[in-house]
Amino acid sequence: QVPLVESGGGLVQAGGSLRLSCAASGRTFSSYAMGWFRQAPGKERKFVAAITWSSGSTYYANSVKGRFTISRDKAKNTVYLQMNSLKPEDTAVYYCAAKQWGWARSADEYDYWGQGTQVFVSS
């Protein structure tokens, strides 16, 4: 098991910023990729961003590119999602996920998930 705990969600006005955190524990993550996904009510879970733990290479969904930044702090075993210029359509529950051996856009390929944190962007 890889316990993942998200935090940092909340209510923000359009144009504002939030930073989500995902604290991981239980093992070393050199072979892992960490991803952020989001799920709006009644919709499927969608890829937002991913980062490879060892190299720090990053990947983004087109809808957030240029506004969101994923990063990781190896010393703290924590992954961050800095979200700027937020829009009402960014409203969703945001989930942190982990998988071994490379990143992926499909949620089905991730093995471990956090409990999610709600982000609500008002217009």
C-alpha atoms as a PDB file:
ATOM      1  CA  GLN A   1       0.000   0.000   0.000  1.00  0.00           C
ATOM      2  CA  VAL A   2       0.996   3.584  -0.646  1.00  0.00           C
ATOM      3  CA  PRO A   3      -0.983   5.911   1.594  1.00  0.00           C
ATOM      4  CA  LEU A   4      -1.676   9.201  -0.139  1.00  0.00           C
ATOM      5  CA  VAL A   5      -3.220  12.149   1.664  1.00  0.00           C
ATOM      6  CA  GLU A   6      -4.367  15.228  -0.229  1.00  0.00           C
ATOM      7  CA  SER A   7      -4.921  18.650   1.252  1.00  0.00           C
ATOM      8  CA  GLY A   8      -5.307  22.239   0.148  1.00  0.00           C
ATOM      9  CA  GLY A   9      -8.691  22.266  -1.514  1.00  0.00           C
ATOM     10  CA  GLY A  10     -11.289  24.912  -0.856  1.00  0.00           C
ATOM     11  CA  LEU A  11     -13.412  27.685  -2.270  1.00  0.00           C
ATOM     12  CA  VAL A  12     -11.817  30.339  -4.468  1.00  0.00           C
ATOM     13  CA  GLN A  13     -13.047  32.991  -6.866  1.00  0.00           C
ATOM     14  CA  ALA A  14     -12.389  32.739 -10.567  1.00  0.00           C
ATOM     15  CA  GLY A  15      -8.908  34.015 -11.346  1.00  0.00           C
ATOM     16  CA  GLY A  16      -7.604  32.960  -7.953  1.00  0.00           C
ATOM     17  CA  SER A  17      -5.067  30.354  -6.942  1.00  0.00           C
ATOM     18  CA  LEU A  18      -4.837  27.256  -4.785  1.00  0.00           C
ATOM     19  CA  ARG A  19      -2.047  24.826  -4.028  1.00  0.00           C
ATOM     20  CA  LEU A  20      -2.887  21.184  -3.463  1.00  0.00           C
ATOM     21  CA  SER A  21      -0.559  18.864  -1.604  1.00  0.00           C
ATOM     22  CA  CYS A  22      -0.282  15.090  -1.683  1.00  0.00           C
ATOM     23  CA  ALA A  23       1.745  13.517   1.099  1.00  0.00           C
ATOM     24  CA  ALA A  24       2.965  10.002   0.375  1.00  0.00           C
ATOM     25  CA  SER A  25       4.428   7.495   2.778  1.00  0.00           C
ATOM     26  CA  GLY A  26       5.391   3.901   3.173  1.00  0.00           C
ATOM     27  CA  ARG A  27       8.160   3.437   0.639  1.00  0.00           C
ATOM     28  CA  THR A  28      10.684   5.050  -1.636  1.00  0.00           C
ATOM     29  CA  PHE A  29       9.258   6.454  -4.839  1.00  0.00           C
ATOM     30  CA  SER A  30      12.176   6.458  -7.236  1.00  0.00           C
ATOM     31  CA  SER A  31      10.326   4.168  -9.674  1.00  0.00           C
ATOM     32  CA  TYR A  32       6.982   5.934  -9.358  1.00  0.00           C
ATOM     33  CA  ALA A  33       5.064   8.540 -11.246  1.00  0.00           C
ATOM     34  CA  MET A  34       2.566  10.682  -9.390  1.00  0.00           C
ATOM     35  CA  GLY A  35      -0.554  12.030 -10.996  1.00  0.00           C
ATOM     36  CA  TRP A  36      -3.342  14.461 -10.271  1.00  0.00           C
ATOM     37  CA  PHE A  37      -6.813  13.717 -11.557  1.00  0.00           C
ATOM     38  CA  ARG A  38     -10.120  15.469 -11.097  1.00  0.00           C
ATOM     39  CA  GLN A  39     -13.728  14.428 -11.158  1.00  0.00           C
ATOM     40  CA  ALA A  40     -16.673  16.753 -11.498  1.00  0.00           C
ATOM     41  CA  PRO A  41     -20.170  15.618 -10.427  1.00  0.00           C
ATOM     42  CA  GLY A  42     -21.625  13.170 -12.896  1.00  0.00           C
ATOM     43  CA  LYS A  43     -18.452  13.012 -14.969  1.00  0.00           C
ATOM     44  CA  GLU A  44     -15.584  10.598 -15.310  1.00  0.00           C
ATOM     45  CA  ARG A  45     -12.257  11.074 -13.587  1.00  0.00           C
ATOM     46  CA  LYS A  46      -9.877  12.977 -15.843  1.00  0.00           C
ATOM     47  CA  PHE A  47      -6.133  13.414 -16.013  1.00  0.00           C
ATOM     48  CA  VAL A  48      -4.780  16.785 -14.921  1.00  0.00           C
ATOM     49  CA  ALA A  49      -1.011  16.437 -14.528  1.00  0.00           C
ATOM     50  CA  ALA A  50       1.725  13.932 -13.745  1.00  0.00           C
ATOM     51  CA  ILE A  51       5.341  13.962 -12.639  1.00  0.00           C
ATOM     52  CA  THR A  52       7.981  11.259 -12.605  1.00  0.00           C
ATOM     53  CA  TRP A  53       9.499  11.019  -9.174  1.00  0.00           C
ATOM     54  CA  SER A  54      13.115  10.412 -10.174  1.00  0.00           C
ATOM     55  CA  SER A  55      13.602  12.878 -13.030  1.00  0.00           C
ATOM     56  CA  GLY A  56      10.856  15.377 -12.288  1.00  0.00           C
ATOM     57  CA  SER A  57       9.542  15.294 -15.851  1.00  0.00           C
ATOM     58  CA  THR A  58       6.072  16.809 -16.022  1.00  0.00           C
ATOM     59  CA  TYR A  59       3.000  16.258 -18.171  1.00  0.00           C
ATOM     60  CA  TYR A  60      -0.236  18.215 -18.381  1.00  0.00           C
ATOM     61  CA  ALA A  61      -3.722  18.057 -19.789  1.00  0.00           C
ATOM     62  CA  ASN A  62      -4.244  20.712 -22.445  1.00  0.00           C
ATOM     63  CA  SER A  63      -7.003  22.279 -20.376  1.00  0.00           C
ATOM     64  CA  VAL A  64      -4.599  23.215 -17.563  1.00  0.00           C
ATOM     65  CA  LYS A  65      -1.338  23.770 -19.427  1.00  0.00           C
ATOM     66  CA  GLY A  66       0.106  27.164 -18.593  1.00  0.00           C
ATOM     67  CA  ARG A  67      -2.109  27.563 -15.523  1.00  0.00           C
ATOM     68  CA  PHE A  68      -1.242  24.557 -13.333  1.00  0.00           C
ATOM     69  CA  THR A  69       2.182  23.402 -12.211  1.00  0.00           C
ATOM     70  CA  ILE A  70       2.991  20.010 -10.715  1.00  0.00           C
ATOM     71  CA  SER A  71       6.094  19.584  -8.606  1.00  0.00           C
ATOM     72  CA  ARG A  72       7.525  17.275  -5.964  1.00  0.00           C
ATOM     73  CA  ASP A  73       9.634  17.630  -2.857  1.00  0.00           C
ATOM     74  CA  LYS A  74      11.666  14.475  -2.418  1.00  0.00           C
ATOM     75  CA  ALA A  75      12.675  15.290   1.143  1.00  0.00           C
ATOM     76  CA  LYS A  76       9.045  15.624   2.191  1.00  0.00           C
ATOM     77  CA  ASN A  77       7.686  12.853  -0.052  1.00  0.00           C
ATOM     78  CA  THR A  78       5.091  15.345  -1.204  1.00  0.00           C
ATOM     79  CA  VAL A  79       3.676  16.267  -4.588  1.00  0.00           C
ATOM     80  CA  TYR A  80       2.106  19.655  -5.219  1.00  0.00           C
ATOM     81  CA  LEU A  81      -0.324  21.051  -7.744  1.00  0.00           C
ATOM     82  CA  GLN A  82      -0.157  24.825  -7.983  1.00  0.00           C
ATOM     83  CA  MET A  83      -3.321  26.039  -9.654  1.00  0.00           C
ATOM     84  CA  ASN A  84      -3.443  29.598 -10.966  1.00  0.00           C
ATOM     85  CA  SER A  85      -6.002  31.524 -13.011  1.00  0.00           C
ATOM     86  CA  LEU A  86      -8.695  29.165 -11.812  1.00  0.00           C
ATOM     87  CA  LYS A  87     -11.935  28.921 -13.754  1.00  0.00           C
ATOM     88  CA  PRO A  88     -15.374  27.685 -12.690  1.00  0.00           C
ATOM     89  CA  GLU A  89     -14.851  24.656 -14.928  1.00  0.00           C
ATOM     90  CA  ASP A  90     -11.924  23.632 -12.711  1.00  0.00           C
ATOM     91  CA  THR A  91     -14.438  22.828  -9.976  1.00  0.00           C
ATOM     92  CA  ALA A  92     -14.053  19.154  -9.061  1.00  0.00           C
ATOM     93  CA  VAL A  93     -12.742  16.714  -6.507  1.00  0.00           C
ATOM     94  CA  TYR A  94      -9.009  16.438  -7.076  1.00  0.00           C
ATOM     95  CA  TYR A  95      -7.272  13.133  -6.489  1.00  0.00           C
ATOM     96  CA  CYS A  96      -3.630  12.252  -6.134  1.00  0.00           C
ATOM     97  CA  ALA A  97      -2.512   8.903  -7.534  1.00  0.00           C
ATOM     98  CA  ALA A  98       0.653   6.835  -7.847  1.00  0.00           C
ATOM     99  CA  LYS A  99       1.883   4.192 -10.264  1.00  0.00           C
ATOM    100  CA  GLN A 100       5.141   2.467 -10.962  1.00  0.00           C
ATOM    101  CA  TRP A 101       7.169   2.423 -14.151  1.00  0.00           C
ATOM    102  CA  GLY A 102       6.179   5.509 -16.031  1.00  0.00           C
ATOM    103  CA  TRP A 103       3.351   7.979 -16.092  1.00  0.00           C
ATOM    104  CA  ALA A 104      -0.016   7.582 -17.796  1.00  0.00           C
ATOM    105  CA  ARG A 105      -3.082   9.630 -18.682  1.00  0.00           C
ATOM    106  CA  SER A 106      -5.502   6.851 -17.869  1.00  0.00           C
ATOM    107  CA  ALA A 107      -6.754   6.643 -14.303  1.00  0.00           C
ATOM    108  CA  ASP A 108      -7.059   2.886 -14.719  1.00  0.00           C
ATOM    109  CA  GLU A 109      -3.276   2.548 -14.800  1.00  0.00           C
ATOM    110  CA  TYR A 110      -2.726   4.055 -11.367  1.00  0.00           C
ATOM    111  CA  ASP A 111      -2.526   1.692  -8.439  1.00  0.00           C
ATOM    112  CA  TYR A 112      -2.873   3.943  -5.416  1.00  0.00           C
ATOM    113  CA  TRP A 113      -5.249   6.801  -4.720  1.00  0.00           C
ATOM    114  CA  GLY A 114      -5.849   9.425  -2.109  1.00  0.00           C
ATOM    115  CA  GLN A 115      -9.251  10.281  -0.706  1.00  0.00           C
ATOM    116  CA  GLY A 116      -9.627  13.458  -2.760  1.00  0.00           C
ATOM    117  CA  THR A 117      -9.931  17.131  -1.947  1.00  0.00           C
ATOM    118  CA  GLN A 118     -12.735  19.404  -3.147  1.00  0.00           C
ATOM    119  CA  VAL A 119     -11.973  22.500  -5.195  1.00  0.00           C
ATOM    120  CA  PHE A 120     -14.801  24.918  -5.887  1.00  0.00           C
ATOM    121  CA  VAL A 121     -14.262  27.926  -8.142  1.00  0.00           C
ATOM    122  CA  SER A 122     -16.974  30.550  -8.066  1.00  0.00           C
ATOM    123  CA  SER A 123     -17.695  32.859 -10.977  1.00  0.00           C
END
